[in-house]
Amino acid sequence: MEQEKTRQLALTGMFIALSAVGALIKVPSPTGTVAFDSAPGFVAALLLGPGLGALAAALGHLFTSLFAGFPMTFPIHIIVALEMAAFAAIYGYLGKKNLPLAVVTVSILNGVVAPATFIVFPQFGMAFFVSMLVPLLVASAANVIVSALIYKAISSTAKARFSNGR
């Protein structure tokens, strides 16, 4: 039991560190906060569970925002980090049942719904939504697809290892 907790803690730390590295790989956008920071969180959601994946995805966004200087203000980035946590948790739940559905659902949630939530904020509005739609949709889909491919590769390797008695 103690060994399993240690393993989960180590893996969670690794996925958070990978999110920080991914935060440095930017996708051009008006805010400078679109990056490959969520793919590790999405993988963690599938491998370690929705809660730990949510933590890694939320911290990934905060790393990206930190590296960009919190251009939309810290409170706004906290909202985005909470959205990322929710999307990673959804991905973790859905992905175990139907990975293709999870990929499509979370790509739309993060690429369309997330920027749409800021339409009601006067400082953002429809202009923000329109300007963020394409870069965020492309990056969201890329992050989710990369995570699905990594998960498939890791899960099949792990199954083979366990079935061979290692």
C-alpha atoms as a PDB file:
ATOM      1  CA  MET A   1       0.000   0.000   0.000  1.00  0.00           C
ATOM      2  CA  GLU A   2       2.744   2.439   0.982  1.00  0.00           C
ATOM      3  CA  GLN A   3       4.709   1.520  -2.144  1.00  0.00           C
ATOM      4  CA  GLU A   4       1.653   2.273  -4.325  1.00  0.00           C
ATOM      5  CA  LYS A   5       1.232   5.714  -2.719  1.00  0.00           C
ATOM      6  CA  THR A   6       4.912   6.457  -3.318  1.00  0.00           C
ATOM      7  CA  ARG A   7       4.593   5.375  -6.946  1.00  0.00           C
ATOM      8  CA  GLN A   8       1.528   7.583  -7.475  1.00  0.00           C
ATOM      9  CA  LEU A   9       3.249  10.558  -5.853  1.00  0.00           C
ATOM     10  CA  ALA A  10       6.341  10.094  -8.019  1.00  0.00           C
ATOM     11  CA  LEU A  11       4.286   9.737 -11.198  1.00  0.00           C
ATOM     12  CA  THR A  12       2.155  12.752 -10.320  1.00  0.00           C
ATOM     13  CA  GLY A  13       5.304  14.810  -9.809  1.00  0.00           C
ATOM     14  CA  MET A  14       6.633  13.587 -13.143  1.00  0.00           C
ATOM     15  CA  PHE A  15       3.430  14.568 -14.971  1.00  0.00           C
ATOM     16  CA  ILE A  16       3.444  18.005 -13.309  1.00  0.00           C
ATOM     17  CA  ALA A  17       7.082  18.469 -14.374  1.00  0.00           C
ATOM     18  CA  LEU A  18       6.199  17.407 -17.923  1.00  0.00           C
ATOM     19  CA  SER A  19       3.368  19.971 -17.859  1.00  0.00           C
ATOM     20  CA  ALA A  20       5.915  22.647 -16.949  1.00  0.00           C
ATOM     21  CA  VAL A  21       8.110  21.580 -19.867  1.00  0.00           C
ATOM     22  CA  GLY A  22       5.073  21.541 -22.171  1.00  0.00           C
ATOM     23  CA  ALA A  23       4.260  25.065 -21.002  1.00  0.00           C
ATOM     24  CA  LEU A  24       7.416  26.206 -22.760  1.00  0.00           C
ATOM     25  CA  ILE A  25       6.212  24.828 -26.107  1.00  0.00           C
ATOM     26  CA  LYS A  26       3.889  27.614 -27.189  1.00  0.00           C
ATOM     27  CA  VAL A  27       1.262  27.755 -29.899  1.00  0.00           C
ATOM     28  CA  PRO A  28       0.976  31.281 -31.356  1.00  0.00           C
ATOM     29  CA  SER A  29      -2.029  33.056 -29.840  1.00  0.00           C
ATOM     30  CA  PRO A  30      -3.075  36.566 -28.813  1.00  0.00           C
ATOM     31  CA  THR A  31      -2.438  35.847 -25.122  1.00  0.00           C
ATOM     32  CA  GLY A  32       0.714  33.745 -25.384  1.00  0.00           C
ATOM     33  CA  THR A  33      -0.826  31.217 -22.999  1.00  0.00           C
ATOM     34  CA  VAL A  34      -1.679  28.437 -25.430  1.00  0.00           C
ATOM     35  CA  ALA A  35       0.855  25.611 -25.160  1.00  0.00           C
ATOM     36  CA  PHE A  36       1.448  21.876 -24.900  1.00  0.00           C
ATOM     37  CA  ASP A  37       0.987  21.992 -21.140  1.00  0.00           C
ATOM     38  CA  SER A  38      -2.147  19.877 -20.827  1.00  0.00           C
ATOM     39  CA  ALA A  39      -1.134  16.683 -22.648  1.00  0.00           C
ATOM     40  CA  PRO A  40       0.715  15.339 -19.566  1.00  0.00           C
ATOM     41  CA  GLY A  41      -2.311  16.132 -17.397  1.00  0.00           C
ATOM     42  CA  PHE A  42      -4.576  14.299 -19.802  1.00  0.00           C
ATOM     43  CA  VAL A  43      -2.291  11.246 -19.773  1.00  0.00           C
ATOM     44  CA  ALA A  44      -2.219  11.403 -15.971  1.00  0.00           C
ATOM     45  CA  ALA A  45      -6.030  11.522 -15.896  1.00  0.00           C
ATOM     46  CA  LEU A  46      -6.146   8.237 -17.792  1.00  0.00           C
ATOM     47  CA  LEU A  47      -3.288   6.492 -15.981  1.00  0.00           C
ATOM     48  CA  LEU A  48      -3.566   7.847 -12.425  1.00  0.00           C
ATOM     49  CA  GLY A  49      -7.200   8.913 -12.302  1.00  0.00           C
ATOM     50  CA  PRO A  50      -9.241  12.049 -12.952  1.00  0.00           C
ATOM     51  CA  GLY A  51      -8.200  13.829  -9.741  1.00  0.00           C
ATOM     52  CA  LEU A  52      -4.435  13.621 -10.238  1.00  0.00           C
ATOM     53  CA  GLY A  53      -4.830  14.390 -13.929  1.00  0.00           C
ATOM     54  CA  ALA A  54      -6.879  17.464 -13.030  1.00  0.00           C
ATOM     55  CA  LEU A  55      -4.102  18.629 -10.702  1.00  0.00           C
ATOM     56  CA  ALA A  56      -1.430  18.223 -13.383  1.00  0.00           C
ATOM     57  CA  ALA A  57      -3.546  19.960 -16.054  1.00  0.00           C
ATOM     58  CA  ALA A  58      -4.412  22.896 -13.799  1.00  0.00           C
ATOM     59  CA  LEU A  59      -0.791  23.390 -12.775  1.00  0.00           C
ATOM     60  CA  GLY A  60       0.233  23.081 -16.419  1.00  0.00           C
ATOM     61  CA  HIS A  61      -1.925  26.071 -17.322  1.00  0.00           C
ATOM     62  CA  LEU A  62      -0.573  28.041 -14.378  1.00  0.00           C
ATOM     63  CA  PHE A  63       3.007  27.307 -15.522  1.00  0.00           C
ATOM     64  CA  THR A  64       2.166  28.515 -19.028  1.00  0.00           C
ATOM     65  CA  SER A  65       0.570  31.664 -17.630  1.00  0.00           C
ATOM     66  CA  LEU A  66       3.485  32.276 -15.281  1.00  0.00           C
ATOM     67  CA  PHE A  67       5.985  31.950 -18.121  1.00  0.00           C
ATOM     68  CA  ALA A  68       3.893  34.454 -20.127  1.00  0.00           C
ATOM     69  CA  GLY A  69       3.565  36.870 -17.168  1.00  0.00           C
ATOM     70  CA  PHE A  70      -0.128  36.206 -16.380  1.00  0.00           C
ATOM     71  CA  PRO A  71      -1.316  38.389 -19.292  1.00  0.00           C
ATOM     72  CA  MET A  72      -5.032  38.057 -18.433  1.00  0.00           C
ATOM     73  CA  THR A  73      -4.443  38.646 -14.683  1.00  0.00           C
ATOM     74  CA  PHE A  74      -3.883  35.982 -12.046  1.00  0.00           C
ATOM     75  CA  PRO A  75      -7.584  35.620 -11.076  1.00  0.00           C
ATOM     76  CA  ILE A  76      -8.580  35.002 -14.703  1.00  0.00           C
ATOM     77  CA  HIS A  77      -5.837  32.397 -15.040  1.00  0.00           C
ATOM     78  CA  ILE A  78      -7.129  30.677 -11.913  1.00  0.00           C
ATOM     79  CA  ILE A  79     -10.505  30.370 -13.667  1.00  0.00           C
ATOM     80  CA  VAL A  80      -8.807  28.880 -16.726  1.00  0.00           C
ATOM     81  CA  ALA A  81      -6.818  26.479 -14.513  1.00  0.00           C
ATOM     82  CA  LEU A  82     -10.072  25.329 -12.892  1.00  0.00           C
ATOM     83  CA  GLU A  83     -11.562  24.770 -16.346  1.00  0.00           C
ATOM     84  CA  MET A  84      -8.494  22.746 -17.307  1.00  0.00           C
ATOM     85  CA  ALA A  85      -8.870  20.672 -14.145  1.00  0.00           C
ATOM     86  CA  ALA A  86     -12.521  19.980 -14.973  1.00  0.00           C
ATOM     87  CA  PHE A  87     -11.698  19.049 -18.577  1.00  0.00           C
ATOM     88  CA  ALA A  88      -8.908  16.685 -17.490  1.00  0.00           C
ATOM     89  CA  ALA A  89     -11.235  15.013 -14.990  1.00  0.00           C
ATOM     90  CA  ILE A  90     -13.903  14.593 -17.688  1.00  0.00           C
ATOM     91  CA  TYR A  91     -11.255  13.173 -20.000  1.00  0.00           C
ATOM     92  CA  GLY A  92     -10.155  10.709 -17.324  1.00  0.00           C
ATOM     93  CA  TYR A  93     -13.708   9.465 -16.759  1.00  0.00           C
ATOM     94  CA  LEU A  94     -14.749   9.354 -20.424  1.00  0.00           C
ATOM     95  CA  GLY A  95     -11.433   8.071 -21.735  1.00  0.00           C
ATOM     96  CA  LYS A  96     -11.619   4.849 -19.761  1.00  0.00           C
ATOM     97  CA  LYS A  97     -14.983   4.062 -21.398  1.00  0.00           C
ATOM     98  CA  ASN A  98     -14.604   5.539 -24.870  1.00  0.00           C
ATOM     99  CA  LEU A  99     -11.291   7.200 -25.748  1.00  0.00           C
ATOM    100  CA  PRO A 100     -12.341   8.593 -29.170  1.00  0.00           C
ATOM    101  CA  LEU A 101     -15.416  10.204 -27.593  1.00  0.00           C
ATOM    102  CA  ALA A 102     -13.230  11.658 -24.840  1.00  0.00           C
ATOM    103  CA  VAL A 103     -10.819  13.117 -27.421  1.00  0.00           C
ATOM    104  CA  VAL A 104     -13.609  14.853 -29.346  1.00  0.00           C
ATOM    105  CA  THR A 105     -15.497  16.013 -26.238  1.00  0.00           C
ATOM    106  CA  VAL A 106     -12.513  17.530 -24.468  1.00  0.00           C
ATOM    107  CA  SER A 107     -11.165  19.118 -27.663  1.00  0.00           C
ATOM    108  CA  ILE A 108     -14.491  20.943 -28.030  1.00  0.00           C
ATOM    109  CA  LEU A 109     -14.742  21.789 -24.325  1.00  0.00           C
ATOM    110  CA  ASN A 110     -11.262  23.264 -24.173  1.00  0.00           C
ATOM    111  CA  GLY A 111     -11.162  24.708 -27.682  1.00  0.00           C
ATOM    112  CA  VAL A 112     -14.656  26.233 -27.918  1.00  0.00           C
ATOM    113  CA  VAL A 113     -16.468  26.219 -24.579  1.00  0.00           C
ATOM    114  CA  ALA A 114     -13.525  27.515 -22.516  1.00  0.00           C
ATOM    115  CA  PRO A 115     -12.997  30.706 -24.544  1.00  0.00           C
ATOM    116  CA  ALA A 116     -16.782  31.139 -24.847  1.00  0.00           C
ATOM    117  CA  THR A 117     -17.044  31.431 -21.057  1.00  0.00           C
ATOM    118  CA  PHE A 118     -15.191  34.746 -21.314  1.00  0.00           C
ATOM    119  CA  ILE A 119     -17.671  36.346 -23.721  1.00  0.00           C
ATOM    120  CA  VAL A 120     -19.628  37.634 -20.707  1.00  0.00           C
ATOM    121  CA  PHE A 121     -16.572  39.427 -19.246  1.00  0.00           C
ATOM    122  CA  PRO A 122     -16.563  43.032 -20.516  1.00  0.00           C
ATOM    123  CA  GLN A 123     -12.771  43.129 -20.887  1.00  0.00           C
ATOM    124  CA  PHE A 124     -12.860  40.070 -23.169  1.00  0.00           C
ATOM    125  CA  GLY A 125     -16.165  39.739 -25.042  1.00  0.00           C
ATOM    126  CA  MET A 126     -16.773  38.309 -28.490  1.00  0.00           C
ATOM    127  CA  ALA A 127     -13.480  39.678 -29.857  1.00  0.00           C
ATOM    128  CA  PHE A 128     -11.521  37.558 -27.373  1.00  0.00           C
ATOM    129  CA  PHE A 129     -13.552  34.472 -28.238  1.00  0.00           C
ATOM    130  CA  VAL A 130     -13.037  34.906 -31.979  1.00  0.00           C
ATOM    131  CA  SER A 131      -9.308  35.620 -31.645  1.00  0.00           C
ATOM    132  CA  MET A 132      -8.694  32.609 -29.380  1.00  0.00           C
ATOM    133  CA  LEU A 133     -10.939  30.101 -31.151  1.00  0.00           C
ATOM    134  CA  VAL A 134      -8.569  28.775 -33.817  1.00  0.00           C
ATOM    135  CA  PRO A 135      -5.317  28.662 -31.814  1.00  0.00           C
ATOM    136  CA  LEU A 136      -7.032  27.151 -28.785  1.00  0.00           C
ATOM    137  CA  LEU A 137      -9.020  24.613 -30.788  1.00  0.00           C
ATOM    138  CA  VAL A 138      -5.898  23.481 -32.675  1.00  0.00           C
ATOM    139  CA  ALA A 139      -3.789  23.269 -29.508  1.00  0.00           C
ATOM    140  CA  SER A 140      -6.566  21.558 -27.565  1.00  0.00           C
ATOM    141  CA  ALA A 141      -7.012  18.903 -30.212  1.00  0.00           C
ATOM    142  CA  ALA A 142      -3.243  18.416 -30.479  1.00  0.00           C
ATOM    143  CA  ASN A 143      -2.824  18.058 -26.701  1.00  0.00           C
ATOM    144  CA  VAL A 144      -5.682  15.576 -26.420  1.00  0.00           C
ATOM    145  CA  ILE A 145      -4.639  13.525 -29.462  1.00  0.00           C
ATOM    146  CA  VAL A 146      -1.026  13.360 -28.239  1.00  0.00           C
ATOM    147  CA  SER A 147      -2.257  12.233 -24.823  1.00  0.00           C
ATOM    148  CA  ALA A 148      -4.443   9.517 -26.359  1.00  0.00           C
ATOM    149  CA  LEU A 149      -1.553   8.211 -28.463  1.00  0.00           C
ATOM    150  CA  ILE A 150       0.791   8.188 -25.463  1.00  0.00           C
ATOM    151  CA  TYR A 151      -1.816   6.466 -23.323  1.00  0.00           C
ATOM    152  CA  LYS A 152      -2.419   3.790 -25.967  1.00  0.00           C
ATOM    153  CA  ALA A 153       1.332   3.164 -26.289  1.00  0.00           C
ATOM    154  CA  ILE A 154       1.903   3.073 -22.532  1.00  0.00           C
ATOM    155  CA  SER A 155      -1.150   0.979 -21.711  1.00  0.00           C
ATOM    156  CA  SER A 156      -0.345  -1.681 -24.313  1.00  0.00           C
ATOM    157  CA  THR A 157       3.276  -1.817 -23.119  1.00  0.00           C
ATOM    158  CA  ALA A 158       2.150  -2.143 -19.504  1.00  0.00           C
ATOM    159  CA  LYS A 159      -0.320  -4.904 -20.398  1.00  0.00           C
ATOM    160  CA  ALA A 160       2.393  -6.804 -22.282  1.00  0.00           C
ATOM    161  CA  ARG A 161       4.797  -6.441 -19.367  1.00  0.00           C
ATOM    162  CA  PHE A 162       2.269  -7.724 -16.839  1.00  0.00           C
ATOM    163  CA  SER A 163       1.074 -10.588 -19.034  1.00  0.00           C
ATOM    164  CA  ASN A 164       4.681 -11.779 -19.476  1.00  0.00           C
ATOM    165  CA  GLY A 165       4.999 -12.090 -15.712  1.00  0.00           C
ATOM    166  CA  ARG A 166       7.432  -9.225 -15.191  1.00  0.00           C
END
